[in-house]
Full PDB file with SEQRES, HELIX, SHEET, SSBOND, CRYST1, ORIGX, SCALE, CONECT and MASTER records, all heavy atoms in Angstrom:
SEQRES   1 A   37  ALA GLY ALA ILE GLU GLU ALA GLU GLY VAL ARG ILE ASP          
SEQRES   2 A   37  ARG ARG VAL ASP HIS GLY ASP LEU VAL GLN TYR ASP GLY          
SEQRES   3 A   37  ILE ALA LEU ASP VAL ILE GLN LEU ARG GLY HIS                  
HELIX    1 AA1 GLY A    2  GLU A    8  1                                   7    
SHEET    1 AA1 2 LEU A  21  TYR A  24  0                                        
SHEET    2 AA1 2 ILE A  27  ASP A  30 -1                                        
CRYST1    1.000    1.000    1.000  90.00  90.00  90.00 P 1           1          
ORIGX1      1.000000  0.000000  0.000000        0.00000                         
ORIGX2      0.000000  1.000000  0.000000        0.00000                         
ORIGX3      0.000000  0.000000  1.000000        0.00000                         
SCALE1      1.000000  0.000000  0.000000        0.00000                         
SCALE2      0.000000  1.000000  0.000000        0.00000                         
SCALE3      0.000000  0.000000  1.000000        0.00000                         
ATOM      1  N   ALA A   1     -32.990   7.196  13.163  1.00  0.00           N  
ATOM      2  CA  ALA A   1     -32.508   5.809  13.159  1.00  0.00           C  
ATOM      3  C   ALA A   1     -32.725   5.111  14.501  1.00  0.00           C  
ATOM      4  O   ALA A   1     -33.149   3.951  14.545  1.00  0.00           O  
ATOM      5  CB  ALA A   1     -31.034   5.772  12.773  1.00  0.00           C  
ATOM      6  N   GLY A   2     -32.436   5.792  15.595  1.00  0.00           N  
ATOM      7  CA  GLY A   2     -32.590   5.176  16.904  1.00  0.00           C  
ATOM      8  C   GLY A   2     -34.020   4.775  17.190  1.00  0.00           C  
ATOM      9  O   GLY A   2     -34.283   3.686  17.737  1.00  0.00           O  
ATOM     10  N   ALA A   3     -34.969   5.621  16.824  1.00  0.00           N  
ATOM     11  CA  ALA A   3     -36.386   5.309  17.042  1.00  0.00           C  
ATOM     12  C   ALA A   3     -36.827   4.121  16.196  1.00  0.00           C  
ATOM     13  O   ALA A   3     -37.639   3.302  16.636  1.00  0.00           O  
ATOM     14  CB  ALA A   3     -37.237   6.538  16.730  1.00  0.00           C  
ATOM     15  N   ILE A   4     -36.292   4.008  14.981  1.00  0.00           N  
ATOM     16  CA  ILE A   4     -36.623   2.867  14.122  1.00  0.00           C  
ATOM     17  C   ILE A   4     -36.077   1.574  14.727  1.00  0.00           C  
ATOM     18  O   ILE A   4     -36.765   0.550  14.775  1.00  0.00           O  
ATOM     19  CB  ILE A   4     -36.063   3.090  12.708  1.00  0.00           C  
ATOM     20  CG1 ILE A   4     -36.765   4.277  12.040  1.00  0.00           C  
ATOM     21  CG2 ILE A   4     -36.217   1.823  11.861  1.00  0.00           C  
ATOM     22  CD1 ILE A   4     -36.092   4.743  10.769  1.00  0.00           C  
ATOM     23  N   GLU A   5     -34.845   1.627  15.202  1.00  0.00           N  
ATOM     24  CA  GLU A   5     -34.255   0.444  15.832  1.00  0.00           C  
ATOM     25  C   GLU A   5     -35.064   0.001  17.043  1.00  0.00           C  
ATOM     26  O   GLU A   5     -35.328  -1.202  17.228  1.00  0.00           O  
ATOM     27  CB  GLU A   5     -32.813   0.752  16.244  1.00  0.00           C  
ATOM     28  CG  GLU A   5     -31.865   0.912  15.072  1.00  0.00           C  
ATOM     29  CD  GLU A   5     -30.442   1.217  15.509  1.00  0.00           C  
ATOM     30  OE1 GLU A   5     -30.264   1.808  16.602  1.00  0.00           O  
ATOM     31  OE2 GLU A   5     -29.516   0.869  14.765  1.00  0.00           O  
ATOM     32  N   GLU A   6     -35.481   0.946  17.858  1.00  0.00           N  
ATOM     33  CA  GLU A   6     -36.235   0.624  19.065  1.00  0.00           C  
ATOM     34  C   GLU A   6     -37.613   0.060  18.723  1.00  0.00           C  
ATOM     35  O   GLU A   6     -38.080  -0.903  19.344  1.00  0.00           O  
ATOM     36  CB  GLU A   6     -36.389   1.867  19.937  1.00  0.00           C  
ATOM     37  CG  GLU A   6     -37.100   1.619  21.250  1.00  0.00           C  
ATOM     38  CD  GLU A   6     -37.162   2.845  22.123  1.00  0.00           C  
ATOM     39  OE1 GLU A   6     -36.527   3.869  21.776  1.00  0.00           O  
ATOM     40  OE2 GLU A   6     -37.825   2.791  23.176  1.00  0.00           O  
ATOM     41  N   ALA A   7     -38.255   0.620  17.710  1.00  0.00           N  
ATOM     42  CA  ALA A   7     -39.618   0.211  17.368  1.00  0.00           C  
ATOM     43  C   ALA A   7     -39.670  -1.164  16.725  1.00  0.00           C  
ATOM     44  O   ALA A   7     -40.588  -1.946  16.995  1.00  0.00           O  
ATOM     45  CB  ALA A   7     -40.245   1.246  16.437  1.00  0.00           C  
ATOM     46  N   GLU A   8     -38.692  -1.481  15.888  1.00  0.00           N  
ATOM     47  CA  GLU A   8     -38.777  -2.706  15.092  1.00  0.00           C  
ATOM     48  C   GLU A   8     -37.717  -3.747  15.442  1.00  0.00           C  
ATOM     49  O   GLU A   8     -37.719  -4.837  14.867  1.00  0.00           O  
ATOM     50  CB  GLU A   8     -38.679  -2.365  13.596  1.00  0.00           C  
ATOM     51  CG  GLU A   8     -39.851  -1.533  13.093  1.00  0.00           C  
ATOM     52  CD  GLU A   8     -41.184  -2.254  13.218  1.00  0.00           C  
ATOM     53  OE1 GLU A   8     -41.207  -3.496  13.179  1.00  0.00           O  
ATOM     54  OE2 GLU A   8     -42.216  -1.560  13.357  1.00  0.00           O  
ATOM     55  N   GLY A   9     -36.799  -3.431  16.340  1.00  0.00           N  
ATOM     56  CA  GLY A   9     -35.783  -4.399  16.722  1.00  0.00           C  
ATOM     57  C   GLY A   9     -34.804  -4.717  15.621  1.00  0.00           C  
ATOM     58  O   GLY A   9     -34.279  -5.831  15.543  1.00  0.00           O  
ATOM     59  N   VAL A  10     -34.571  -3.760  14.739  1.00  0.00           N  
ATOM     60  CA  VAL A  10     -33.613  -3.932  13.654  1.00  0.00           C  
ATOM     61  C   VAL A  10     -32.443  -2.975  13.862  1.00  0.00           C  
ATOM     62  O   VAL A  10     -32.541  -2.011  14.607  1.00  0.00           O  
ATOM     63  CB  VAL A  10     -34.255  -3.661  12.272  1.00  0.00           C  
ATOM     64  CG1 VAL A  10     -35.392  -4.627  12.012  1.00  0.00           C  
ATOM     65  CG2 VAL A  10     -34.734  -2.219  12.163  1.00  0.00           C  
ATOM     66  N   ARG A  11     -31.347  -3.273  13.180  1.00  0.00           N  
ATOM     67  CA  ARG A  11     -30.202  -2.381  13.228  1.00  0.00           C  
ATOM     68  C   ARG A  11     -30.180  -1.524  11.975  1.00  0.00           C  
ATOM     69  O   ARG A  11     -30.335  -2.034  10.858  1.00  0.00           O  
ATOM     70  CB  ARG A  11     -28.903  -3.189  13.308  1.00  0.00           C  
ATOM     71  CG  ARG A  11     -27.653  -2.314  13.262  1.00  0.00           C  
ATOM     72  CD  ARG A  11     -26.396  -3.147  13.321  1.00  0.00           C  
ATOM     73  NE  ARG A  11     -25.207  -2.312  13.143  1.00  0.00           N  
ATOM     74  CZ  ARG A  11     -23.962  -2.766  13.153  1.00  0.00           C  
ATOM     75  NH1 ARG A  11     -23.743  -4.065  13.317  1.00  0.00           N  
ATOM     76  NH2 ARG A  11     -22.949  -1.944  12.990  1.00  0.00           N  
ATOM     77  N   ILE A  12     -30.013  -0.217  12.158  1.00  0.00           N  
ATOM     78  CA  ILE A  12     -29.813   0.677  11.022  1.00  0.00           C  
ATOM     79  C   ILE A  12     -28.309   0.751  10.774  1.00  0.00           C  
ATOM     80  O   ILE A  12     -27.553   1.286  11.580  1.00  0.00           O  
ATOM     81  CB  ILE A  12     -30.393   2.073  11.288  1.00  0.00           C  
ATOM     82  CG1 ILE A  12     -31.908   1.984  11.528  1.00  0.00           C  
ATOM     83  CG2 ILE A  12     -30.080   3.013  10.119  1.00  0.00           C  
ATOM     84  CD1 ILE A  12     -32.690   1.401  10.379  1.00  0.00           C  
ATOM     85  N   ASP A  13     -27.889   0.178   9.662  1.00  0.00           N  
ATOM     86  CA  ASP A  13     -26.461   0.064   9.371  1.00  0.00           C  
ATOM     87  C   ASP A  13     -25.830   1.400   9.017  1.00  0.00           C  
ATOM     88  O   ASP A  13     -24.668   1.654   9.337  1.00  0.00           O  
ATOM     89  CB  ASP A  13     -26.234  -0.903   8.203  1.00  0.00           C  
ATOM     90  CG  ASP A  13     -26.777  -2.291   8.502  1.00  0.00           C  
ATOM     91  OD1 ASP A  13     -26.421  -2.840   9.556  1.00  0.00           O  
ATOM     92  OD2 ASP A  13     -27.559  -2.814   7.689  1.00  0.00           O  
ATOM     93  N   ARG A  14     -26.574   2.246   8.347  1.00  0.00           N  
ATOM     94  CA  ARG A  14     -26.020   3.534   7.919  1.00  0.00           C  
ATOM     95  C   ARG A  14     -26.987   4.654   8.266  1.00  0.00           C  
ATOM     96  O   ARG A  14     -28.145   4.631   7.845  1.00  0.00           O  
ATOM     97  CB  ARG A  14     -25.737   3.531   6.422  1.00  0.00           C  
ATOM     98  CG  ARG A  14     -25.079   4.824   5.951  1.00  0.00           C  
ATOM     99  CD  ARG A  14     -24.625   4.742   4.518  1.00  0.00           C  
ATOM    100  NE  ARG A  14     -24.045   6.000   4.107  1.00  0.00           N  
ATOM    101  CZ  ARG A  14     -23.723   6.320   2.856  1.00  0.00           C  
ATOM    102  NH1 ARG A  14     -23.912   5.431   1.888  1.00  0.00           N  
ATOM    103  NH2 ARG A  14     -23.211   7.488   2.563  1.00  0.00           N  
ATOM    104  N   ARG A  15     -26.491   5.598   9.043  1.00  0.00           N  
ATOM    105  CA  ARG A  15     -27.287   6.756   9.444  1.00  0.00           C  
ATOM    106  C   ARG A  15     -26.821   7.942   8.609  1.00  0.00           C  
ATOM    107  O   ARG A  15     -25.665   8.354   8.715  1.00  0.00           O  
ATOM    108  CB  ARG A  15     -27.110   7.026  10.934  1.00  0.00           C  
ATOM    109  CG  ARG A  15     -27.523   5.832  11.790  1.00  0.00           C  
ATOM    110  CD  ARG A  15     -27.293   6.073  13.264  1.00  0.00           C  
ATOM    111  NE  ARG A  15     -27.758   4.924  14.044  1.00  0.00           N  
ATOM    112  CZ  ARG A  15     -28.355   5.015  15.227  1.00  0.00           C  
ATOM    113  NH1 ARG A  15     -28.532   6.205  15.793  1.00  0.00           N  
ATOM    114  NH2 ARG A  15     -28.754   3.929  15.859  1.00  0.00           N  
ATOM    115  N   VAL A  16     -27.725   8.480   7.791  1.00  0.00           N  
ATOM    116  CA  VAL A  16     -27.326   9.485   6.820  1.00  0.00           C  
ATOM    117  C   VAL A  16     -27.767  10.879   7.252  1.00  0.00           C  
ATOM    118  O   VAL A  16     -28.733  11.050   7.996  1.00  0.00           O  
ATOM    119  CB  VAL A  16     -27.894   9.164   5.418  1.00  0.00           C  
ATOM    120  CG1 VAL A  16     -27.235   7.916   4.863  1.00  0.00           C  
ATOM    121  CG2 VAL A  16     -29.410   9.000   5.458  1.00  0.00           C  
ATOM    122  N   ASP A  17     -27.032  11.863   6.744  1.00  0.00           N  
ATOM    123  CA  ASP A  17     -27.310  13.268   7.000  1.00  0.00           C  
ATOM    124  C   ASP A  17     -27.502  13.998   5.674  1.00  0.00           C  
ATOM    125  O   ASP A  17     -27.205  13.470   4.600  1.00  0.00           O  
ATOM    126  CB  ASP A  17     -26.147  13.906   7.774  1.00  0.00           C  
ATOM    127  CG  ASP A  17     -26.060  13.430   9.208  1.00  0.00           C  
ATOM    128  OD1 ASP A  17     -27.078  13.513   9.920  1.00  0.00           O  
ATOM    129  OD2 ASP A  17     -24.979  12.973   9.619  1.00  0.00           O  
ATOM    130  N   HIS A  18     -27.956  15.219   5.779  1.00  0.00           N  
ATOM    131  CA  HIS A  18     -28.156  16.058   4.603  1.00  0.00           C  
ATOM    132  C   HIS A  18     -26.857  16.181   3.806  1.00  0.00           C  
ATOM    133  O   HIS A  18     -25.800  16.461   4.367  1.00  0.00           O  
ATOM    134  CB  HIS A  18     -28.617  17.449   5.051  1.00  0.00           C  
ATOM    135  CG  HIS A  18     -28.894  18.381   3.925  1.00  0.00           C  
ATOM    136  ND1 HIS A  18     -29.922  18.192   3.041  1.00  0.00           N  
ATOM    137  CD2 HIS A  18     -28.260  19.522   3.539  1.00  0.00           C  
ATOM    138  CE1 HIS A  18     -29.919  19.173   2.159  1.00  0.00           C  
ATOM    139  NE2 HIS A  18     -28.923  19.993   2.430  1.00  0.00           N  
ATOM    140  N   GLY A  19     -26.953  15.921   2.509  1.00  0.00           N  
ATOM    141  CA  GLY A  19     -25.791  16.021   1.638  1.00  0.00           C  
ATOM    142  C   GLY A  19     -25.040  14.731   1.417  1.00  0.00           C  
ATOM    143  O   GLY A  19     -24.113  14.686   0.600  1.00  0.00           O  
ATOM    144  N   ASP A  20     -25.428  13.668   2.111  1.00  0.00           N  
ATOM    145  CA  ASP A  20     -24.756  12.382   1.918  1.00  0.00           C  
ATOM    146  C   ASP A  20     -25.151  11.763   0.568  1.00  0.00           C  
ATOM    147  O   ASP A  20     -26.151  12.145  -0.052  1.00  0.00           O  
ATOM    148  CB  ASP A  20     -25.122  11.403   3.039  1.00  0.00           C  
ATOM    149  CG  ASP A  20     -24.394  11.712   4.340  1.00  0.00           C  
ATOM    150  OD1 ASP A  20     -23.461  12.534   4.314  1.00  0.00           O  
ATOM    151  OD2 ASP A  20     -24.775  11.129   5.378  1.00  0.00           O  
ATOM    152  N   LEU A  21     -24.355  10.780   0.156  1.00  0.00           N  
ATOM    153  CA  LEU A  21     -24.621  10.013  -1.058  1.00  0.00           C  
ATOM    154  C   LEU A  21     -24.736   8.548  -0.678  1.00  0.00           C  
ATOM    155  O   LEU A  21     -23.867   8.001   0.003  1.00  0.00           O  
ATOM    156  CB  LEU A  21     -23.495  10.202  -2.075  1.00  0.00           C  
ATOM    157  CG  LEU A  21     -23.590   9.380  -3.368  1.00  0.00           C  
ATOM    158  CD1 LEU A  21     -24.771   9.835  -4.214  1.00  0.00           C  
ATOM    159  CD2 LEU A  21     -22.284   9.475  -4.157  1.00  0.00           C  
ATOM    160  N   VAL A  22     -25.814   7.906  -1.111  1.00  0.00           N  
ATOM    161  CA  VAL A  22     -26.013   6.477  -0.906  1.00  0.00           C  
ATOM    162  C   VAL A  22     -25.817   5.817  -2.265  1.00  0.00           C  
ATOM    163  O   VAL A  22     -26.570   6.086  -3.199  1.00  0.00           O  
ATOM    164  CB  VAL A  22     -27.421   6.185  -0.351  1.00  0.00           C  
ATOM    165  CG1 VAL A  22     -27.623   4.685  -0.166  1.00  0.00           C  
ATOM    166  CG2 VAL A  22     -27.640   6.913   0.963  1.00  0.00           C  
ATOM    167  N   GLN A  23     -24.820   4.955  -2.388  1.00  0.00           N  
ATOM    168  CA  GLN A  23     -24.430   4.459  -3.705  1.00  0.00           C  
ATOM    169  C   GLN A  23     -24.252   2.948  -3.698  1.00  0.00           C  
ATOM    170  O   GLN A  23     -23.642   2.376  -2.801  1.00  0.00           O  
ATOM    171  CB  GLN A  23     -23.127   5.128  -4.149  1.00  0.00           C  
ATOM    172  CG  GLN A  23     -22.769   4.886  -5.598  1.00  0.00           C  
ATOM    173  CD  GLN A  23     -21.706   5.855  -6.084  1.00  0.00           C  
ATOM    174  OE1 GLN A  23     -21.042   6.521  -5.292  1.00  0.00           O  
ATOM    175  NE2 GLN A  23     -21.533   5.956  -7.385  1.00  0.00           N  
ATOM    176  N   TYR A  24     -24.829   2.326  -4.720  1.00  0.00           N  
ATOM    177  CA  TYR A  24     -24.678   0.895  -4.963  1.00  0.00           C  
ATOM    178  C   TYR A  24     -24.339   0.722  -6.440  1.00  0.00           C  
ATOM    179  O   TYR A  24     -24.279   1.705  -7.181  1.00  0.00           O  
ATOM    180  CB  TYR A  24     -25.964   0.158  -4.567  1.00  0.00           C  
ATOM    181  CG  TYR A  24     -26.385   0.467  -3.152  1.00  0.00           C  
ATOM    182  CD1 TYR A  24     -27.299   1.483  -2.900  1.00  0.00           C  
ATOM    183  CD2 TYR A  24     -25.812  -0.185  -2.070  1.00  0.00           C  
ATOM    184  CE1 TYR A  24     -27.658   1.813  -1.598  1.00  0.00           C  
ATOM    185  CE2 TYR A  24     -26.158   0.135  -0.767  1.00  0.00           C  
ATOM    186  CZ  TYR A  24     -27.078   1.142  -0.539  1.00  0.00           C  
ATOM    187  OH  TYR A  24     -27.412   1.475   0.746  1.00  0.00           O  
ATOM    188  N   ASP A  25     -24.122  -0.484  -6.880  1.00  0.00           N  
ATOM    189  CA  ASP A  25     -23.702  -0.721  -8.258  1.00  0.00           C  
ATOM    190  C   ASP A  25     -24.848  -0.390  -9.212  1.00  0.00           C  
ATOM    191  O   ASP A  25     -25.794  -1.154  -9.363  1.00  0.00           O  
ATOM    192  CB  ASP A  25     -23.272  -2.176  -8.427  1.00  0.00           C  
ATOM    193  CG  ASP A  25     -22.657  -2.451  -9.787  1.00  0.00           C  
ATOM    194  OD1 ASP A  25     -22.484  -1.503 -10.575  1.00  0.00           O  
ATOM    195  OD2 ASP A  25     -22.345  -3.625 -10.058  1.00  0.00           O  
ATOM    196  N   GLY A  26     -24.778   0.786  -9.824  1.00  0.00           N  
ATOM    197  CA  GLY A  26     -25.802   1.196 -10.769  1.00  0.00           C  
ATOM    198  C   GLY A  26     -26.863   2.111 -10.220  1.00  0.00           C  
ATOM    199  O   GLY A  26     -27.717   2.590 -10.975  1.00  0.00           O  
ATOM    200  N   ILE A  27     -26.834   2.386  -8.923  1.00  0.00           N  
ATOM    201  CA  ILE A  27     -27.831   3.267  -8.301  1.00  0.00           C  
ATOM    202  C   ILE A  27     -27.114   4.210  -7.340  1.00  0.00           C  
ATOM    203  O   ILE A  27     -26.434   3.754  -6.415  1.00  0.00           O  
ATOM    204  CB  ILE A  27     -28.904   2.475  -7.536  1.00  0.00           C  
ATOM    205  CG1 ILE A  27     -29.639   1.505  -8.466  1.00  0.00           C  
ATOM    206  CG2 ILE A  27     -29.896   3.421  -6.859  1.00  0.00           C  
ATOM    207  CD1 ILE A  27     -30.623   0.589  -7.766  1.00  0.00           C  
ATOM    208  N   ALA A  28     -27.260   5.506  -7.541  1.00  0.00           N  
ATOM    209  CA  ALA A  28     -26.691   6.504  -6.643  1.00  0.00           C  
ATOM    210  C   ALA A  28     -27.788   7.493  -6.273  1.00  0.00           C  
ATOM    211  O   ALA A  28     -28.468   8.043  -7.148  1.00  0.00           O  
ATOM    212  CB  ALA A  28     -25.522   7.227  -7.302  1.00  0.00           C  
ATOM    213  N   LEU A  29     -27.979   7.710  -4.985  1.00  0.00           N  
ATOM    214  CA  LEU A  29     -29.046   8.564  -4.479  1.00  0.00           C  
ATOM    215  C   LEU A  29     -28.465   9.615  -3.537  1.00  0.00           C  
ATOM    216  O   LEU A  29     -27.756   9.287  -2.587  1.00  0.00           O  
ATOM    217  CB  LEU A  29     -30.089   7.732  -3.735  1.00  0.00           C  
ATOM    218  CG  LEU A  29     -30.809   6.660  -4.556  1.00  0.00           C  
ATOM    219  CD1 LEU A  29     -31.440   5.627  -3.639  1.00  0.00           C  
ATOM    220  CD2 LEU A  29     -31.866   7.291  -5.443  1.00  0.00           C  
ATOM    221  N   ASP A  30     -28.781  10.871  -3.804  1.00  0.00           N  
ATOM    222  CA  ASP A  30     -28.405  11.950  -2.891  1.00  0.00           C  
ATOM    223  C   ASP A  30     -29.421  12.023  -1.761  1.00  0.00           C  
ATOM    224  O   ASP A  30     -30.624  11.770  -1.957  1.00  0.00           O  
ATOM    225  CB  ASP A  30     -28.362  13.284  -3.634  1.00  0.00           C  
ATOM    226  CG  ASP A  30     -27.285  13.308  -4.703  1.00  0.00           C  
ATOM    227  OD1 ASP A  30     -26.126  13.006  -4.366  1.00  0.00           O  
ATOM    228  OD2 ASP A  30     -27.606  13.616  -5.869  1.00  0.00           O  
ATOM    229  N   VAL A  31     -28.944  12.411  -0.577  1.00  0.00           N  
ATOM    230  CA  VAL A  31     -29.793  12.504   0.608  1.00  0.00           C  
ATOM    231  C   VAL A  31     -30.085  13.971   0.907  1.00  0.00           C  
ATOM    232  O   VAL A  31     -29.160  14.797   0.995  1.00  0.00           O  
ATOM    233  CB  VAL A  31     -29.124  11.847   1.828  1.00  0.00           C  
ATOM    234  CG1 VAL A  31     -29.994  12.016   3.078  1.00  0.00           C  
ATOM    235  CG2 VAL A  31     -28.852  10.373   1.557  1.00  0.00           C  
ATOM    236  N   ILE A  32     -31.357  14.287   1.060  1.00  0.00           N  
ATOM    237  CA  ILE A  32     -31.780  15.621   1.484  1.00  0.00           C  
ATOM    238  C   ILE A  32     -32.579  15.472   2.761  1.00  0.00           C  
ATOM    239  O   ILE A  32     -33.577  14.749   2.799  1.00  0.00           O  
ATOM    240  CB  ILE A  32     -32.641  16.303   0.400  1.00  0.00           C  
ATOM    241  CG1 ILE A  32     -31.803  16.579  -0.853  1.00  0.00           C  
ATOM    242  CG2 ILE A  32     -33.237  17.594   0.931  1.00  0.00           C  
ATOM    243  CD1 ILE A  32     -32.576  17.237  -1.964  1.00  0.00           C  
ATOM    244  N   GLN A  33     -32.150  16.140   3.811  1.00  0.00           N  
ATOM    245  CA  GLN A  33     -32.908  16.118   5.062  1.00  0.00           C  
ATOM    246  C   GLN A  33     -34.025  17.148   4.983  1.00  0.00           C  
ATOM    247  O   GLN A  33     -33.807  18.293   4.588  1.00  0.00           O  
ATOM    248  CB  GLN A  33     -32.005  16.406   6.267  1.00  0.00           C  
ATOM    249  CG  GLN A  33     -32.714  16.185   7.595  1.00  0.00           C  
ATOM    250  CD  GLN A  33     -31.797  16.329   8.794  1.00  0.00           C  
ATOM    251  OE1 GLN A  33     -30.773  16.980   8.717  1.00  0.00           O  
ATOM    252  NE2 GLN A  33     -32.169  15.716   9.903  1.00  0.00           N  
ATOM    253  N   LEU A  34     -35.228  16.735   5.353  1.00  0.00           N  
ATOM    254  CA  LEU A  34     -36.403  17.601   5.368  1.00  0.00           C  
ATOM    255  C   LEU A  34     -37.020  17.518   6.755  1.00  0.00           C  
ATOM    256  O   LEU A  34     -37.894  16.698   7.017  1.00  0.00           O  
ATOM    257  CB  LEU A  34     -37.398  17.178   4.282  1.00  0.00           C  
ATOM    258  CG  LEU A  34     -36.882  17.202   2.841  1.00  0.00           C  
ATOM    259  CD1 LEU A  34     -37.886  16.570   1.891  1.00  0.00           C  
ATOM    260  CD2 LEU A  34     -36.559  18.634   2.395  1.00  0.00           C  
ATOM    261  N   ARG A  35     -36.550  18.349   7.634  1.00  0.00           N  
ATOM    262  CA  ARG A  35     -36.927  18.271   9.045  1.00  0.00           C  
ATOM    263  C   ARG A  35     -38.325  18.844   9.279  1.00  0.00           C  
ATOM    264  O   ARG A  35     -38.734  19.787   8.624  1.00  0.00           O  
ATOM    265  CB  ARG A  35     -35.915  19.048   9.882  1.00  0.00           C  
ATOM    266  CG  ARG A  35     -34.473  18.560   9.733  1.00  0.00           C  
ATOM    267  CD  ARG A  35     -33.474  19.634  10.093  1.00  0.00           C  
ATOM    268  NE  ARG A  35     -33.555  20.762   9.158  1.00  0.00           N  
ATOM    269  CZ  ARG A  35     -32.747  21.817   9.191  1.00  0.00           C  
ATOM    270  NH1 ARG A  35     -31.813  21.888  10.117  1.00  0.00           N  
ATOM    271  NH2 ARG A  35     -32.884  22.788   8.313  1.00  0.00           N  
ATOM    272  N   GLY A  36     -39.040  18.257  10.235  1.00  0.00           N  
ATOM    273  CA  GLY A  36     -40.327  18.805  10.616  1.00  0.00           C  
ATOM    274  C   GLY A  36     -41.406  17.756  10.778  1.00  0.00           C  
ATOM    275  O   GLY A  36     -42.075  17.708  11.806  1.00  0.00           O  
ATOM    276  N   HIS A  37     -41.621  16.916   9.764  1.00  0.00           N  
ATOM    277  CA  HIS A  37     -42.575  15.815   9.921  1.00  0.00           C  
ATOM    278  C   HIS A  37     -42.061  14.857  10.985  1.00  0.00           C  
ATOM    279  O   HIS A  37     -42.822  14.412  11.854  1.00  0.00           O  
ATOM    280  CB  HIS A  37     -42.763  15.104   8.584  1.00  0.00           C  
ATOM    281  CG  HIS A  37     -43.758  13.987   8.629  1.00  0.00           C  
ATOM    282  ND1 HIS A  37     -45.101  14.195   8.861  1.00  0.00           N  
ATOM    283  CD2 HIS A  37     -43.609  12.641   8.487  1.00  0.00           C  
ATOM    284  CE1 HIS A  37     -45.728  13.026   8.863  1.00  0.00           C  
ATOM    285  NE2 HIS A  37     -44.842  12.067   8.639  1.00  0.00           N  
TER     286      HIS A  37                                                      
MASTER        0    0    0    1    2    0    0    6  285    1    0    3          
END                                                                             
């Protein structure tokens, strides 16, 4: 998130980790961290 903010001048509102859930009205997405790339 920090590198994205620095590169594009935007704020990352939510920084997610492995196992988190990102949920909106009608859409729920599980977060899986895949480290290495």
